[in-house]
C-alpha atoms as a PDB file:
ATOM      1  CA  MET A   1      17.045  14.409  11.341  1.00  0.00           C
ATOM      2  CA  ASN A   2      14.082  12.416  10.024  1.00  0.00           C
ATOM      3  CA  ILE A   3      13.983  11.149   6.444  1.00  0.00           C
ATOM      4  CA  LEU A   4      11.423  13.768   5.310  1.00  0.00           C
ATOM      5  CA  GLU A   5      12.944  16.845   6.933  1.00  0.00           C
ATOM      6  CA  ASN A   6      13.797  19.546   4.392  1.00  0.00           C
ATOM      7  CA  LYS A   7      13.019  17.159   1.511  1.00  0.00           C
ATOM      8  CA  THR A   8      10.837  17.643  -1.542  1.00  0.00           C
ATOM      9  CA  VAL A   9       8.402  14.741  -1.617  1.00  0.00           C
ATOM     10  CA  LEU A  10       5.993  13.779  -4.409  1.00  0.00           C
ATOM     11  CA  VAL A  11       3.008  11.490  -3.799  1.00  0.00           C
ATOM     12  CA  THR A  12       1.349   9.894  -6.808  1.00  0.00           C
ATOM     13  CA  GLY A  13      -2.353   9.342  -6.237  1.00  0.00           C
ATOM     14  CA  GLY A  14      -1.970  11.886  -3.477  1.00  0.00           C
ATOM     15  CA  THR A  15      -5.650  12.824  -3.248  1.00  0.00           C
ATOM     16  CA  GLY A  16      -6.601   9.355  -1.986  1.00  0.00           C
ATOM     17  CA  SER A  17      -7.086   8.232   1.607  1.00  0.00           C
ATOM     18  CA  PHE A  18      -3.405   7.350   2.064  1.00  0.00           C
ATOM     19  CA  GLY A  19      -2.197  10.543   0.397  1.00  0.00           C
ATOM     20  CA  LYS A  20      -4.202  12.833   2.645  1.00  0.00           C
ATOM     21  CA  LYS A  21      -3.016  11.081   5.788  1.00  0.00           C
ATOM     22  CA  PHE A  22       0.579  11.038   4.530  1.00  0.00           C
ATOM     23  CA  VAL A  23       0.480  14.782   3.815  1.00  0.00           C
ATOM     24  CA  LYS A  24      -0.672  15.525   7.368  1.00  0.00           C
ATOM     25  CA  GLN A  25       2.207  13.536   8.798  1.00  0.00           C
ATOM     26  CA  ALA A  26       4.794  14.897   6.361  1.00  0.00           C
ATOM     27  CA  LEU A  27       3.911  18.483   7.241  1.00  0.00           C
ATOM     28  CA  LYS A  28       4.495  17.689  10.911  1.00  0.00           C
ATOM     29  CA  LEU A  29       7.916  16.266   9.999  1.00  0.00           C
ATOM     30  CA  ASN A  30       9.093  19.548   8.456  1.00  0.00           C
ATOM     31  CA  VAL A  31       9.010  18.504   4.829  1.00  0.00           C
ATOM     32  CA  LYS A  32      10.375  21.223   2.548  1.00  0.00           C
ATOM     33  CA  LYS A  33       7.721  20.763  -0.143  1.00  0.00           C
ATOM     34  CA  ILE A  34       5.131  18.102  -0.903  1.00  0.00           C
ATOM     35  CA  ILE A  35       3.703  17.647  -4.388  1.00  0.00           C
ATOM     36  CA  ILE A  36       0.349  15.967  -4.961  1.00  0.00           C
ATOM     37  CA  PHE A  37       0.405  14.263  -8.357  1.00  0.00           C
ATOM     38  CA  SER A  38      -2.980  12.984  -9.505  1.00  0.00           C
ATOM     39  CA  ARG A  39      -5.366  13.138 -12.453  1.00  0.00           C
ATOM     40  CA  ASP A  40      -8.611  14.355 -10.840  1.00  0.00           C
ATOM     41  CA  GLU A  41      -8.868  18.145 -10.647  1.00  0.00           C
ATOM     42  CA  LEU A  42     -12.006  18.033  -8.472  1.00  0.00           C
ATOM     43  CA  LYS A  43     -10.282  15.932  -5.805  1.00  0.00           C
ATOM     44  CA  GLN A  44      -7.310  18.289  -5.921  1.00  0.00           C
ATOM     45  CA  TYR A  45      -9.648  21.243  -5.479  1.00  0.00           C
ATOM     46  CA  GLU A  46     -11.323  19.587  -2.499  1.00  0.00           C
ATOM     47  CA  MET A  47      -7.962  18.719  -0.957  1.00  0.00           C
ATOM     48  CA  ARG A  48      -6.761  22.281  -1.441  1.00  0.00           C
ATOM     49  CA  GLN A  49      -9.717  23.448   0.664  1.00  0.00           C
ATOM     50  CA  GLN A  50      -8.717  21.017   3.392  1.00  0.00           C
ATOM     51  CA  PHE A  51      -5.028  21.945   3.569  1.00  0.00           C
ATOM     52  CA  HIS A  52      -3.825  25.512   3.827  1.00  0.00           C
ATOM     53  CA  ASP A  53      -0.051  25.233   3.743  1.00  0.00           C
ATOM     54  CA  GLU A  54       2.290  26.952   1.316  1.00  0.00           C
ATOM     55  CA  ARG A  55       4.505  23.867   1.189  1.00  0.00           C
ATOM     56  CA  ILE A  56       1.857  21.881  -0.718  1.00  0.00           C
ATOM     57  CA  ARG A  57       1.777  21.904  -4.525  1.00  0.00           C
ATOM     58  CA  PHE A  58      -0.811  20.273  -6.778  1.00  0.00           C
ATOM     59  CA  PHE A  59       0.197  18.772 -10.094  1.00  0.00           C
ATOM     60  CA  ILE A  60      -2.370  17.387 -12.546  1.00  0.00           C
ATOM     61  CA  GLY A  61      -1.024  14.322 -14.338  1.00  0.00           C
ATOM     62  CA  ASP A  62      -1.312  10.597 -14.960  1.00  0.00           C
ATOM     63  CA  VAL A  63       1.327   7.958 -14.226  1.00  0.00           C
ATOM     64  CA  ARG A  64       0.689   6.668 -17.747  1.00  0.00           C
ATOM     65  CA  ASP A  65       2.264   9.880 -19.086  1.00  0.00           C
ATOM     66  CA  LYS A  66       6.064   9.627 -18.879  1.00  0.00           C
ATOM     67  CA  GLU A  67       6.685  13.174 -20.129  1.00  0.00           C
ATOM     68  CA  ARG A  68       4.430  14.616 -17.437  1.00  0.00           C
ATOM     69  CA  LEU A  69       6.228  12.577 -14.782  1.00  0.00           C
ATOM     70  CA  ASP A  70       9.576  13.903 -16.034  1.00  0.00           C
ATOM     71  CA  ARG A  71       8.303  17.430 -15.482  1.00  0.00           C
ATOM     72  CA  ALA A  72       6.779  16.655 -12.080  1.00  0.00           C
ATOM     73  CA  PHE A  73       9.872  14.813 -10.745  1.00  0.00           C
ATOM     74  CA  ASP A  74      12.242  17.702 -11.433  1.00  0.00           C
ATOM     75  CA  GLY A  75      13.920  18.605  -8.124  1.00  0.00           C
ATOM     76  CA  VAL A  76      12.116  15.869  -6.172  1.00  0.00           C
ATOM     77  CA  ASP A  77      14.041  13.942  -3.491  1.00  0.00           C
ATOM     78  CA  ILE A  78      11.515  11.247  -2.536  1.00  0.00           C
ATOM     79  CA  VAL A  79       8.592   9.686  -4.414  1.00  0.00           C
ATOM     80  CA  VAL A  80       5.823   7.762  -2.668  1.00  0.00           C
ATOM     81  CA  HIS A  81       3.934   5.861  -5.356  1.00  0.00           C
ATOM     82  CA  ALA A  82       0.343   5.349  -4.220  1.00  0.00           C
ATOM     83  CA  ALA A  83      -1.484   5.752  -7.549  1.00  0.00           C
ATOM     84  CA  ALA A  84      -3.222   2.601  -8.764  1.00  0.00           C
ATOM     85  CA  MET A  85      -6.365   1.045 -10.059  1.00  0.00           C
ATOM     86  CA  LYS A  86      -7.152  -0.970  -6.956  1.00  0.00           C
ATOM     87  CA  HIS A  87     -10.749  -2.160  -7.102  1.00  0.00           C
ATOM     88  CA  VAL A  88     -10.831  -5.839  -7.979  1.00  0.00           C
ATOM     89  CA  ASP A  89     -14.099  -5.672  -9.929  1.00  0.00           C
ATOM     90  CA  ALA A  90     -13.007  -2.658 -11.976  1.00  0.00           C
ATOM     91  CA  CYS A  91      -9.699  -4.291 -12.871  1.00  0.00           C
ATOM     92  CA  GLU A  92     -11.406  -7.518 -13.935  1.00  0.00           C
ATOM     93  CA  TYR A  93     -13.801  -5.615 -16.201  1.00  0.00           C
ATOM     94  CA  ASN A  94     -11.180  -3.165 -17.536  1.00  0.00           C
ATOM     95  CA  PRO A  95      -8.018  -5.279 -17.746  1.00  0.00           C
ATOM     96  CA  PHE A  96      -6.168  -3.174 -20.313  1.00  0.00           C
ATOM     97  CA  GLU A  97      -6.710  -0.051 -18.205  1.00  0.00           C
ATOM     98  CA  ALA A  98      -5.429  -1.790 -15.062  1.00  0.00           C
ATOM     99  CA  ILE A  99      -2.282  -2.869 -16.915  1.00  0.00           C
ATOM    100  CA  LYS A 100      -1.686   0.636 -18.282  1.00  0.00           C
ATOM    101  CA  THR A 101      -1.910   2.222 -14.830  1.00  0.00           C
ATOM    102  CA  ASN A 102      -0.460  -0.427 -12.522  1.00  0.00           C
ATOM    103  CA  ILE A 103       2.278  -1.895 -14.737  1.00  0.00           C
ATOM    104  CA  HIS A 104       3.099   0.643 -17.433  1.00  0.00           C
ATOM    105  CA  GLY A 105       2.679   3.374 -14.836  1.00  0.00           C
ATOM    106  CA  ALA A 106       5.243   1.652 -12.610  1.00  0.00           C
ATOM    107  CA  GLN A 107       7.718   1.542 -15.487  1.00  0.00           C
ATOM    108  CA  ASN A 108       7.174   5.253 -16.131  1.00  0.00           C
ATOM    109  CA  ILE A 109       7.737   6.056 -12.440  1.00  0.00           C
ATOM    110  CA  ILE A 110      10.992   4.094 -12.475  1.00  0.00           C
ATOM    111  CA  GLU A 111      12.372   5.686 -15.630  1.00  0.00           C
ATOM    112  CA  ALA A 112      11.359   9.212 -14.645  1.00  0.00           C
ATOM    113  CA  ALA A 113      12.865   8.797 -11.159  1.00  0.00           C
ATOM    114  CA  ILE A 114      16.189   7.628 -12.589  1.00  0.00           C
ATOM    115  CA  ASP A 115      16.270  10.320 -15.271  1.00  0.00           C
ATOM    116  CA  CYS A 116      15.470  13.075 -12.742  1.00  0.00           C
ATOM    117  CA  GLY A 117      17.869  11.886 -10.017  1.00  0.00           C
ATOM    118  CA  VAL A 118      15.244  11.119  -7.361  1.00  0.00           C
ATOM    119  CA  GLU A 119      16.949   9.710  -4.244  1.00  0.00           C
ATOM    120  CA  LYS A 120      14.301   7.244  -3.016  1.00  0.00           C
ATOM    121  CA  VAL A 121      11.121   5.743  -4.412  1.00  0.00           C
ATOM    122  CA  ILE A 122       8.814   3.610  -2.302  1.00  0.00           C
ATOM    123  CA  ALA A 123       5.827   1.935  -3.920  1.00  0.00           C
ATOM    124  CA  LEU A 124       2.677   0.855  -2.114  1.00  0.00           C
ATOM    125  CA  SER A 125       1.658  -2.715  -2.810  1.00  0.00           C
ATOM    126  CA  THR A 126      -0.997  -5.059  -1.441  1.00  0.00           C
ATOM    127  CA  ASP A 127      -1.433  -8.509   0.050  1.00  0.00           C
ATOM    128  CA  LYS A 128      -3.281  -9.380  -3.173  1.00  0.00           C
ATOM    129  CA  ALA A 129       0.092  -9.290  -4.975  1.00  0.00           C
ATOM    130  CA  CYS A 130       1.134 -12.417  -3.061  1.00  0.00           C
ATOM    131  CA  SER A 131      -0.015 -15.535  -4.968  1.00  0.00           C
ATOM    132  CA  PRO A 132      -2.523 -13.437  -6.940  1.00  0.00           C
ATOM    133  CA  VAL A 133      -5.850 -14.845  -8.117  1.00  0.00           C
ATOM    134  CA  ASN A 134      -7.213 -11.654  -9.699  1.00  0.00           C
ATOM    135  CA  LEU A 135      -5.911  -9.177 -12.239  1.00  0.00           C
ATOM    136  CA  TYR A 136      -5.427  -6.426  -9.670  1.00  0.00           C
ATOM    137  CA  GLY A 137      -3.120  -8.678  -7.657  1.00  0.00           C
ATOM    138  CA  ALA A 138      -1.319  -9.812 -10.803  1.00  0.00           C
ATOM    139  CA  THR A 139      -0.658  -6.233 -11.928  1.00  0.00           C
ATOM    140  CA  LYS A 140       0.632  -5.296  -8.477  1.00  0.00           C
ATOM    141  CA  LEU A 141       2.897  -8.351  -8.414  1.00  0.00           C
ATOM    142  CA  ALA A 142       4.317  -7.263 -11.774  1.00  0.00           C
ATOM    143  CA  SER A 143       4.698  -3.734 -10.398  1.00  0.00           C
ATOM    144  CA  ASP A 144       6.529  -5.040  -7.313  1.00  0.00           C
ATOM    145  CA  LYS A 145       8.897  -7.019  -9.526  1.00  0.00           C
ATOM    146  CA  LEU A 146       9.613  -3.928 -11.615  1.00  0.00           C
ATOM    147  CA  PHE A 147      10.423  -1.781  -8.595  1.00  0.00           C
ATOM    148  CA  VAL A 148      12.697  -4.408  -7.073  1.00  0.00           C
ATOM    149  CA  ALA A 149      14.517  -5.029 -10.364  1.00  0.00           C
ATOM    150  CA  ALA A 150      14.866  -1.287 -10.963  1.00  0.00           C
ATOM    151  CA  ASN A 151      17.742  -1.220  -8.479  1.00  0.00           C
ATOM    152  CA  SER A 152      19.818  -3.180 -10.988  1.00  0.00           C
ATOM    153  CA  TYR A 153      18.676  -0.860 -13.764  1.00  0.00           C
ATOM    154  CA  VAL A 154      19.877   2.454 -12.342  1.00  0.00           C
ATOM    155  CA  GLY A 155      23.491   2.070 -13.496  1.00  0.00           C
ATOM    156  CA  SER A 156      25.620   4.803 -11.976  1.00  0.00           C
ATOM    157  CA  LYS A 157      22.610   6.802 -10.798  1.00  0.00           C
ATOM    158  CA  LYS A 158      21.759   7.111  -7.092  1.00  0.00           C
ATOM    159  CA  THR A 159      18.052   6.236  -7.110  1.00  0.00           C
ATOM    160  CA  GLY A 160      16.848   3.443  -4.797  1.00  0.00           C
ATOM    161  CA  PHE A 161      13.528   1.629  -5.079  1.00  0.00           C
ATOM    162  CA  SER A 162      11.649  -0.390  -2.453  1.00  0.00           C
ATOM    163  CA  VAL A 163       8.122  -1.676  -1.878  1.00  0.00           C
ATOM    164  CA  VAL A 164       5.737  -1.692   1.069  1.00  0.00           C
ATOM    165  CA  ARG A 165       3.178  -4.519   1.134  1.00  0.00           C
ATOM    166  CA  TYR A 166       0.303  -4.593   3.601  1.00  0.00           C
ATOM    167  CA  GLY A 167      -3.303  -5.736   3.918  1.00  0.00           C
ATOM    168  CA  ASN A 168      -6.682  -4.052   3.719  1.00  0.00           C
ATOM    169  CA  VAL A 169      -6.597  -0.486   5.005  1.00  0.00           C
ATOM    170  CA  ALA A 170      -9.476   0.147   7.370  1.00  0.00           C
ATOM    171  CA  GLY A 171     -11.461   3.163   6.258  1.00  0.00           C
ATOM    172  CA  SER A 172      -9.860   3.641   2.854  1.00  0.00           C
ATOM    173  CA  ARG A 173     -12.140   4.326  -0.076  1.00  0.00           C
ATOM    174  CA  GLY A 174     -14.012   1.153  -1.009  1.00  0.00           C
ATOM    175  CA  SER A 175     -13.133  -0.687   2.204  1.00  0.00           C
ATOM    176  CA  VAL A 176     -15.647  -2.946   3.908  1.00  0.00           C
ATOM    177  CA  VAL A 177     -16.096  -0.832   7.058  1.00  0.00           C
ATOM    178  CA  PRO A 178     -17.871   2.144   5.426  1.00  0.00           C
ATOM    179  CA  PHE A 179     -19.867  -0.344   3.339  1.00  0.00           C
ATOM    180  CA  PHE A 180     -21.098  -2.257   6.393  1.00  0.00           C
ATOM    181  CA  LYS A 181     -22.008   1.020   8.106  1.00  0.00           C
ATOM    182  CA  LYS A 182     -23.973   2.128   5.076  1.00  0.00           C
ATOM    183  CA  VAL A 183     -26.017  -1.069   4.632  1.00  0.00           C
ATOM    184  CA  ARG A 184     -26.730  -1.775   8.300  1.00  0.00           C
ATOM    185  CA  ALA A 185     -29.731   0.555   8.055  1.00  0.00           C
ATOM    186  CA  THR A 186     -31.388  -2.126   5.905  1.00  0.00           C
ATOM    187  CA  GLY A 187     -31.226  -4.620   8.775  1.00  0.00           C
ATOM    188  CA  THR A 188     -29.114  -7.085   6.779  1.00  0.00           C
ATOM    189  CA  ILE A 189     -25.339  -7.317   6.346  1.00  0.00           C
ATOM    190  CA  PRO A 190     -24.108  -9.209   3.250  1.00  0.00           C
ATOM    191  CA  VAL A 191     -21.067 -11.422   3.933  1.00  0.00           C
ATOM    192  CA  THR A 192     -19.391 -13.348   1.128  1.00  0.00           C
ATOM    193  CA  ASP A 193     -18.247 -16.321   3.238  1.00  0.00           C
ATOM    194  CA  PRO A 194     -18.383 -16.836   7.032  1.00  0.00           C
ATOM    195  CA  ARG A 195     -14.859 -18.342   7.029  1.00  0.00           C
ATOM    196  CA  MET A 196     -13.242 -15.291   5.462  1.00  0.00           C
ATOM    197  CA  THR A 197     -10.299 -13.566   7.191  1.00  0.00           C
ATOM    198  CA  ARG A 198      -8.345 -10.433   6.370  1.00  0.00           C
ATOM    199  CA  PHE A 199      -5.327  -8.513   7.629  1.00  0.00           C
ATOM    200  CA  TRP A 200      -6.150  -5.206   9.325  1.00  0.00           C
ATOM    201  CA  ILE A 201      -4.137  -1.988   9.260  1.00  0.00           C
ATOM    202  CA  THR A 202      -5.251   1.570   9.916  1.00  0.00           C
ATOM    203  CA  LEU A 203      -4.344   4.528   7.729  1.00  0.00           C
ATOM    204  CA  ASP A 204      -2.174   5.981  10.484  1.00  0.00           C
ATOM    205  CA  GLN A 205      -0.270   2.705  10.809  1.00  0.00           C
ATOM    206  CA  GLY A 206       0.135   2.422   7.050  1.00  0.00           C
ATOM    207  CA  VAL A 207       1.541   5.932   6.724  1.00  0.00           C
ATOM    208  CA  GLN A 208       3.958   5.464   9.617  1.00  0.00           C
ATOM    209  CA  PHE A 209       5.155   2.153   8.180  1.00  0.00           C
ATOM    210  CA  VAL A 210       5.901   3.830   4.845  1.00  0.00           C
ATOM    211  CA  ILE A 211       7.922   6.549   6.580  1.00  0.00           C
ATOM    212  CA  ASP A 212       9.781   3.965   8.672  1.00  0.00           C
ATOM    213  CA  SER A 213      10.510   1.940   5.525  1.00  0.00           C
ATOM    214  CA  LEU A 214      11.917   5.027   3.783  1.00  0.00           C
ATOM    215  CA  GLU A 215      14.329   5.335   6.705  1.00  0.00           C
ATOM    216  CA  ARG A 216      15.353   1.647   6.559  1.00  0.00           C
ATOM    217  CA  MET A 217      15.536   0.980   2.831  1.00  0.00           C
ATOM    218  CA  HIS A 218      18.720   0.202   0.936  1.00  0.00           C
ATOM    219  CA  GLY A 219      16.879  -0.533  -2.310  1.00  0.00           C
ATOM    220  CA  GLY A 220      15.182  -3.734  -3.414  1.00  0.00           C
ATOM    221  CA  GLU A 221      13.348  -4.703  -0.230  1.00  0.00           C
ATOM    222  CA  ILE A 222       9.686  -5.541   0.117  1.00  0.00           C
ATOM    223  CA  PHE A 223       8.681  -4.423   3.608  1.00  0.00           C
ATOM    224  CA  VAL A 224       5.812  -6.276   5.285  1.00  0.00           C
ATOM    225  CA  PRO A 225       4.409  -5.094   8.647  1.00  0.00           C
ATOM    226  CA  LYS A 226       3.301  -7.436  11.403  1.00  0.00           C
ATOM    227  CA  ILE A 227      -0.385  -6.623  11.723  1.00  0.00           C
ATOM    228  CA  PRO A 228      -3.394  -8.410  13.213  1.00  0.00           C
ATOM    229  CA  SER A 229      -5.999 -10.447  11.389  1.00  0.00           C
ATOM    230  CA  MET A 230      -9.739 -10.254  11.767  1.00  0.00           C
ATOM    231  CA  LYS A 231     -12.665 -12.468  10.882  1.00  0.00           C
ATOM    232  CA  VAL A 232     -15.154 -10.803   8.556  1.00  0.00           C
ATOM    233  CA  MET A 233     -18.012 -12.265  10.608  1.00  0.00           C
ATOM    234  CA  ASP A 234     -16.565 -10.627  13.731  1.00  0.00           C
ATOM    235  CA  LEU A 235     -16.387  -7.301  11.902  1.00  0.00           C
ATOM    236  CA  ALA A 236     -20.034  -7.606  10.871  1.00  0.00           C
ATOM    237  CA  LYS A 237     -21.005  -8.326  14.487  1.00  0.00           C
ATOM    238  CA  ALA A 238     -18.934  -5.372  15.720  1.00  0.00           C
ATOM    239  CA  ILE A 239     -20.469  -2.871  13.295  1.00  0.00           C
ATOM    240  CA  ALA A 240     -24.017  -4.204  13.093  1.00  0.00           C
ATOM    241  CA  PRO A 241     -24.698  -6.519  16.049  1.00  0.00           C
ATOM    242  CA  ASP A 242     -28.476  -6.382  15.598  1.00  0.00           C
ATOM    243  CA  CYS A 243     -28.501  -7.078  11.864  1.00  0.00           C
ATOM    244  CA  ASP A 244     -29.133 -10.359  10.104  1.00  0.00           C
ATOM    245  CA  VAL A 245     -26.235 -11.776   8.072  1.00  0.00           C
ATOM    246  CA  GLU A 246     -26.826 -12.856   4.494  1.00  0.00           C
ATOM    247  CA  ILE A 247     -24.192 -15.151   2.959  1.00  0.00           C
ATOM    248  CA  VAL A 248     -23.856 -14.025  -0.667  1.00  0.00           C
ATOM    249  CA  GLY A 249     -20.898 -16.120  -1.865  1.00  0.00           C
ATOM    250  CA  ILE A 250     -17.319 -15.289  -2.781  1.00  0.00           C
ATOM    251  CA  ARG A 251     -17.006 -12.818  -5.639  1.00  0.00           C
ATOM    252  CA  PRO A 252     -14.867 -13.485  -8.737  1.00  0.00           C
ATOM    253  CA  GLY A 253     -11.187 -12.946  -7.973  1.00  0.00           C
ATOM    254  CA  GLU A 254     -11.653 -13.060  -4.204  1.00  0.00           C
ATOM    255  CA  LYS A 255      -9.787 -15.264  -1.721  1.00  0.00           C
ATOM    256  CA  LEU A 256     -10.965 -16.803   1.531  1.00  0.00           C
ATOM    257  CA  HIS A 257      -7.719 -15.722   3.183  1.00  0.00           C
ATOM    258  CA  GLU A 258      -5.062 -13.236   2.124  1.00  0.00           C
ATOM    259  CA  ALA A 259      -1.297 -13.782   2.175  1.00  0.00           C
ATOM    260  CA  MET A 260       1.678 -11.442   2.414  1.00  0.00           C
ATOM    261  CA  ILE A 261       4.588 -13.906   2.447  1.00  0.00           C
ATOM    262  CA  MET A 262       4.497 -17.419   0.999  1.00  0.00           C
ATOM    263  CA  GLU A 263       6.997 -20.246   1.387  1.00  0.00           C
ATOM    264  CA  ASP A 264       9.189 -19.446  -1.606  1.00  0.00           C
ATOM    265  CA  ASP A 265       9.626 -15.793  -0.595  1.00  0.00           C
ATOM    266  CA  ALA A 266      10.119 -16.805   3.047  1.00  0.00           C
ATOM    267  CA  ARG A 267      13.451 -18.433   2.157  1.00  0.00           C
ATOM    268  CA  HIS A 268      14.956 -15.010   1.571  1.00  0.00           C
ATOM    269  CA  THR A 269      12.926 -13.099   4.167  1.00  0.00           C
ATOM    270  CA  VAL A 270      14.156 -11.894   7.535  1.00  0.00           C
ATOM    271  CA  GLU A 271      12.035 -11.137  10.580  1.00  0.00           C
ATOM    272  CA  PHE A 272      12.281  -8.130  12.886  1.00  0.00           C
ATOM    273  CA  ASP A 273      10.239  -7.238  15.963  1.00  0.00           C
ATOM    274  CA  ASP A 274       7.453  -5.456  14.092  1.00  0.00           C
ATOM    275  CA  HIS A 275       8.013  -6.289  10.425  1.00  0.00           C
ATOM    276  CA  TYR A 276       9.456  -8.630   7.833  1.00  0.00           C
ATOM    277  CA  VAL A 277      11.816  -7.809   4.967  1.00  0.00           C
ATOM    278  CA  ILE A 278      11.633  -9.838   1.764  1.00  0.00           C
ATOM    279  CA  GLN A 279      15.193  -9.403   0.526  1.00  0.00           C
ATOM    280  CA  PRO A 280      16.056  -9.108  -3.156  1.00  0.00           C
ATOM    281  CA  GLU A 281      18.140 -11.865  -4.697  1.00  0.00           C
ATOM    282  CA  PHE A 282      20.818  -9.545  -6.048  1.00  0.00           C
ATOM    283  CA  PRO A 283      24.519 -10.525  -6.214  1.00  0.00           C
ATOM    284  CA  TRP A 284      25.403  -7.238  -4.546  1.00  0.00           C
ATOM    285  CA  TRP A 285      22.875  -7.584  -1.703  1.00  0.00           C
ATOM    286  CA  SER A 286      24.675  -7.631   1.656  1.00  0.00           C
ATOM    287  CA  LYS A 287      23.582  -9.672   4.658  1.00  0.00           C
ATOM    288  CA  ASN A 288      24.652  -6.674   6.703  1.00  0.00           C
ATOM    289  CA  PHE A 289      21.585  -4.845   5.353  1.00  0.00           C
ATOM    290  CA  ALA A 290      19.436  -7.219   7.404  1.00  0.00           C
ATOM    291  CA  GLU A 291      21.479  -6.931  10.596  1.00  0.00           C
ATOM    292  CA  GLY A 292      19.303  -7.638  13.610  1.00  0.00           C
ATOM    293  CA  GLY A 293      16.845  -9.760  11.668  1.00  0.00           C
ATOM    294  CA  LYS A 294      16.441 -13.518  11.850  1.00  0.00           C
ATOM    295  CA  SER A 295      15.740 -16.107   9.190  1.00  0.00           C
ATOM    296  CA  LEU A 296      12.333 -17.749   8.974  1.00  0.00           C
ATOM    297  CA  PRO A 297      11.748 -21.473   9.484  1.00  0.00           C
ATOM    298  CA  GLU A 298      11.317 -23.751   6.479  1.00  0.00           C
ATOM    299  CA  GLY A 299       7.717 -23.807   5.306  1.00  0.00           C
ATOM    300  CA  PHE A 300       6.849 -20.422   6.847  1.00  0.00           C
ATOM    301  CA  ALA A 301       3.915 -18.512   5.356  1.00  0.00           C
ATOM    302  CA  TYR A 302       2.336 -15.303   6.610  1.00  0.00           C
ATOM    303  CA  THR A 303      -1.366 -15.508   5.839  1.00  0.00           C
ATOM    304  CA  SER A 304      -4.429 -13.946   7.415  1.00  0.00           C
ATOM    305  CA  ASP A 305      -5.716 -17.295   8.717  1.00  0.00           C
ATOM    306  CA  ASN A 306      -2.474 -18.460  10.377  1.00  0.00           C
ATOM    307  CA  ASN A 307      -1.688 -15.176  12.112  1.00  0.00           C
ATOM    308  CA  THR A 308      -0.701 -15.155  15.777  1.00  0.00           C
ATOM    309  CA  GLU A 309      -2.527 -11.876  16.492  1.00  0.00           C
ATOM    310  CA  TRP A 310      -6.306 -11.518  16.134  1.00  0.00           C
ATOM    311  CA  LEU A 311      -8.665  -8.629  16.773  1.00  0.00           C
ATOM    312  CA  THR A 312     -11.648  -9.368  19.009  1.00  0.00           C
ATOM    313  CA  ILE A 313     -15.173  -8.163  18.320  1.00  0.00           C
ATOM    314  CA  GLU A 314     -14.722  -5.567  21.082  1.00  0.00           C
ATOM    315  CA  GLN A 315     -11.474  -4.291  19.541  1.00  0.00           C
ATOM    316  CA  LEU A 316     -13.045  -4.138  16.087  1.00  0.00           C
ATOM    317  CA  GLU A 317     -15.997  -2.208  17.465  1.00  0.00           C
ATOM    318  CA  LYS A 318     -13.697   0.341  19.068  1.00  0.00           C
ATOM    319  CA  LEU A 319     -11.455   0.677  16.001  1.00  0.00           C
ATOM    320  CA  SER A 320     -14.346   1.097  13.575  1.00  0.00           C
ATOM    321  CA  VAL A 321     -16.038   3.920  15.484  1.00  0.00           C
ATOM    322  CA  ASP A 322     -14.010   6.699  13.856  1.00  0.00           C
ATOM    323  CA  ILE A 323     -14.150   5.256  10.353  1.00  0.00           C
ATOM    324  CA  SER A 324     -16.810   6.800   8.127  1.00  0.00           C
END
């Protein structure tokens, strides 16, 4: 039996790109009920037109509202926390709002899940939470820390919390692929820096990794997939080969290269065939939980510029075709 079969699952931020893809997969895996928890009634209306399945429920609410979460989590087995303020520029300009949603919202999710007896909570994070240089990354790092520590906060309750951390999702709202496709009609593609690299993961891969991590989790892990890197210049050439490239400079809060595991975390990280697990430093954490994994060498760091797997221009061209 798969982890979602006959379970009631709630997805915060469920009307987003990830949520829609997750719902499609969850329905195929015989979920008992899936609840979309989000604050935008128009997006819920539009999603309701897209999905016609009696197992789907729509719940208007905000992760900032603990009482509403208590009501929504009643009878829920699994929570996938995807709600966030995620645009770097918006977070920099509205810092208090980013903190309310990404940090206070995480605390509310944790407390509501414990109070309501939710079995498993998995929170979506980002590579920007690793050695953050912008407020979005800093709020997600704080959120990650809260979810990991929550496993020591549950007391006698059964709830387990883990985190999934991965890189830029190709085709998600605000991603560079739809942007490049939109501006190529002008004949010029703006690139911040020709040296820039990023991790690449598709929505399908991201959803499957979350489901796999729900199966694996004991509580306290940060799961990191092994995914390829790409050069932003190669992506520009793949999407708009006939366009001129204009170098516009790195934006505030932006990195040349992203990271998902740095040296200090690597000391308590184990490697598997297709993913890494950053283990919590709990007294009760068992090495048996990481059976089959191997320790990383001293000085290891997993960054987008030192990756062993790279996408070619041809691969990027093929992968970007179906992304609107």
